[in-house]
C-alpha atoms as a PDB file:
ATOM      1  CA  MET A   1     -20.321 -49.703 -26.607  1.00  0.00           C
ATOM      2  CA  SER A   2     -21.690 -52.829 -28.241  1.00  0.00           C
ATOM      3  CA  SER A   3     -19.377 -55.575 -29.359  1.00  0.00           C
ATOM      4  CA  GLY A   4     -19.562 -57.091 -32.819  1.00  0.00           C
ATOM      5  CA  GLU A   5     -19.451 -55.765 -36.320  1.00  0.00           C
ATOM      6  CA  TYR A   6     -21.894 -53.150 -37.527  1.00  0.00           C
ATOM      7  CA  GLU A   7     -23.835 -53.445 -40.769  1.00  0.00           C
ATOM      8  CA  ILE A   8     -23.234 -50.561 -43.175  1.00  0.00           C
ATOM      9  CA  GLN A   9     -26.317 -49.225 -44.954  1.00  0.00           C
ATOM     10  CA  TYR A  10     -26.579 -46.315 -47.363  1.00  0.00           C
ATOM     11  CA  LYS A  11     -29.314 -43.788 -48.068  1.00  0.00           C
ATOM     12  CA  LYS A  12     -30.305 -43.871 -51.727  1.00  0.00           C
ATOM     13  CA  SER A  13     -28.890 -40.385 -52.264  1.00  0.00           C
ATOM     14  CA  VAL A  14     -25.387 -41.518 -51.209  1.00  0.00           C
ATOM     15  CA  GLU A  15     -24.967 -43.479 -54.462  1.00  0.00           C
ATOM     16  CA  LYS A  16     -25.374 -40.196 -56.342  1.00  0.00           C
ATOM     17  CA  ASP A  17     -22.935 -38.497 -53.960  1.00  0.00           C
ATOM     18  CA  LEU A  18     -20.324 -41.198 -54.579  1.00  0.00           C
ATOM     19  CA  ARG A  19     -20.659 -40.878 -58.365  1.00  0.00           C
ATOM     20  CA  LYS A  20     -19.811 -37.164 -58.113  1.00  0.00           C
ATOM     21  CA  LEU A  21     -16.538 -37.798 -56.286  1.00  0.00           C
ATOM     22  CA  PRO A  22     -13.195 -37.715 -58.073  1.00  0.00           C
ATOM     23  CA  SER A  23     -11.932 -41.221 -58.754  1.00  0.00           C
ATOM     24  CA  SER A  24      -8.701 -40.401 -56.935  1.00  0.00           C
ATOM     25  CA  GLN A  25     -10.679 -39.989 -53.670  1.00  0.00           C
ATOM     26  CA  LEU A  26     -13.335 -42.669 -54.113  1.00  0.00           C
ATOM     27  CA  LYS A  27     -11.261 -45.676 -53.033  1.00  0.00           C
ATOM     28  CA  GLY A  28     -10.122 -43.990 -49.801  1.00  0.00           C
ATOM     29  CA  ILE A  29     -13.616 -42.809 -48.926  1.00  0.00           C
ATOM     30  CA  VAL A  30     -15.133 -46.253 -49.454  1.00  0.00           C
ATOM     31  CA  ALA A  31     -12.368 -47.782 -47.317  1.00  0.00           C
ATOM     32  CA  ARG A  32     -13.080 -45.233 -44.572  1.00  0.00           C
ATOM     33  CA  ILE A  33     -16.793 -46.134 -44.675  1.00  0.00           C
ATOM     34  CA  GLN A  34     -16.050 -49.864 -44.508  1.00  0.00           C
ATOM     35  CA  ALA A  35     -13.743 -49.294 -41.512  1.00  0.00           C
ATOM     36  CA  LEU A  36     -16.734 -47.896 -39.596  1.00  0.00           C
ATOM     37  CA  ALA A  37     -18.156 -51.440 -39.428  1.00  0.00           C
ATOM     38  CA  THR A  38     -15.498 -52.466 -36.923  1.00  0.00           C
ATOM     39  CA  ASP A  39     -14.973 -49.090 -35.243  1.00  0.00           C
ATOM     40  CA  PRO A  40     -18.003 -46.751 -35.412  1.00  0.00           C
ATOM     41  CA  HIS A  41     -16.159 -44.058 -33.425  1.00  0.00           C
ATOM     42  CA  PRO A  42     -12.721 -43.887 -35.056  1.00  0.00           C
ATOM     43  CA  SER A  43     -10.175 -41.246 -34.212  1.00  0.00           C
ATOM     44  CA  GLY A  44     -11.472 -37.979 -35.646  1.00  0.00           C
ATOM     45  CA  SER A  45     -15.142 -38.944 -35.447  1.00  0.00           C
ATOM     46  CA  VAL A  46     -17.212 -35.977 -34.284  1.00  0.00           C
ATOM     47  CA  LYS A  47     -20.860 -35.767 -33.272  1.00  0.00           C
ATOM     48  CA  LEU A  48     -22.664 -33.084 -35.270  1.00  0.00           C
ATOM     49  CA  ARG A  49     -24.068 -30.224 -33.215  1.00  0.00           C
ATOM     50  CA  GLY A  50     -27.843 -30.052 -33.088  1.00  0.00           C
ATOM     51  CA  SER A  51     -28.413 -33.735 -33.814  1.00  0.00           C
ATOM     52  CA  LEU A  52     -28.911 -36.717 -31.564  1.00  0.00           C
ATOM     53  CA  ASP A  53     -27.272 -39.421 -33.631  1.00  0.00           C
ATOM     54  CA  LEU A  54     -25.311 -37.924 -36.559  1.00  0.00           C
ATOM     55  CA  PHE A  55     -21.527 -38.195 -36.707  1.00  0.00           C
ATOM     56  CA  ARG A  56     -18.920 -37.251 -39.260  1.00  0.00           C
ATOM     57  CA  VAL A  57     -15.480 -38.494 -40.215  1.00  0.00           C
ATOM     58  CA  ARG A  58     -13.007 -36.801 -42.517  1.00  0.00           C
ATOM     59  CA  HIS A  59     -11.116 -38.105 -45.503  1.00  0.00           C
ATOM     60  CA  THR A  60      -8.874 -35.342 -46.874  1.00  0.00           C
ATOM     61  CA  ASP A  61     -11.284 -32.520 -47.899  1.00  0.00           C
ATOM     62  CA  TYR A  62     -14.309 -34.842 -47.932  1.00  0.00           C
ATOM     63  CA  ARG A  63     -16.736 -35.665 -45.151  1.00  0.00           C
ATOM     64  CA  ILE A  64     -18.790 -38.769 -44.449  1.00  0.00           C
ATOM     65  CA  ILE A  65     -21.908 -38.127 -42.373  1.00  0.00           C
ATOM     66  CA  TYR A  66     -23.462 -41.165 -40.778  1.00  0.00           C
ATOM     67  CA  GLN A  67     -26.136 -42.133 -38.303  1.00  0.00           C
ATOM     68  CA  LEU A  68     -25.341 -44.686 -35.613  1.00  0.00           C
ATOM     69  CA  HIS A  69     -27.916 -47.189 -34.369  1.00  0.00           C
ATOM     70  CA  ASP A  70     -26.170 -49.029 -31.511  1.00  0.00           C
ATOM     71  CA  ASP A  71     -29.263 -51.015 -30.574  1.00  0.00           C
ATOM     72  CA  ARG A  72     -29.392 -52.699 -34.024  1.00  0.00           C
ATOM     73  CA  LEU A  73     -25.651 -52.565 -34.833  1.00  0.00           C
ATOM     74  CA  VAL A  74     -26.362 -50.507 -37.968  1.00  0.00           C
ATOM     75  CA  ILE A  75     -24.521 -47.544 -39.451  1.00  0.00           C
ATOM     76  CA  LEU A  76     -26.520 -45.547 -41.988  1.00  0.00           C
ATOM     77  CA  VAL A  77     -24.355 -43.423 -44.277  1.00  0.00           C
ATOM     78  CA  VAL A  78     -26.428 -40.277 -44.813  1.00  0.00           C
ATOM     79  CA  LYS A  79     -24.239 -38.068 -47.015  1.00  0.00           C
ATOM     80  CA  VAL A  80     -20.774 -37.934 -48.569  1.00  0.00           C
ATOM     81  CA  GLY A  81     -19.296 -34.788 -50.059  1.00  0.00           C
ATOM     82  CA  HIS A  82     -16.732 -32.012 -50.083  1.00  0.00           C
ATOM     83  CA  ARG A  83     -16.373 -30.068 -46.840  1.00  0.00           C
ATOM     84  CA  ARG A  84     -17.399 -26.860 -48.605  1.00  0.00           C
ATOM     85  CA  GLU A  85     -20.867 -28.248 -49.432  1.00  0.00           C
ATOM     86  CA  ILE A  86     -21.621 -31.090 -47.035  1.00  0.00           C
ATOM     87  CA  TYR A  87     -23.153 -29.145 -44.136  1.00  0.00           C
ATOM     88  CA  ARG A  88     -25.666 -27.104 -46.142  1.00  0.00           C
ATOM     89  CA  ASP A  89     -28.480 -29.614 -45.542  1.00  0.00           C
ATOM     90  CA  PHE A  90     -27.884 -29.957 -41.795  1.00  0.00           C
END
């Protein structure tokens, strides 16, 4: 594992995903994303089956799917959404 802090980047579609979230969940989800900068594999982080570099973390009933680029110290947040809908595109 590389040492140092990762840069968090977002796909353009994630902004739309975040706007759809209930305000009661938004603060916690953003905090969970920011925490990935210091620990890209937190407790509960799971690699998605069928992908080489996609991981997910949970926040209540919501999921954050992100791509990890260890060589560049970058985390790309790919999608944020409710667990019922998040995996339809993967």
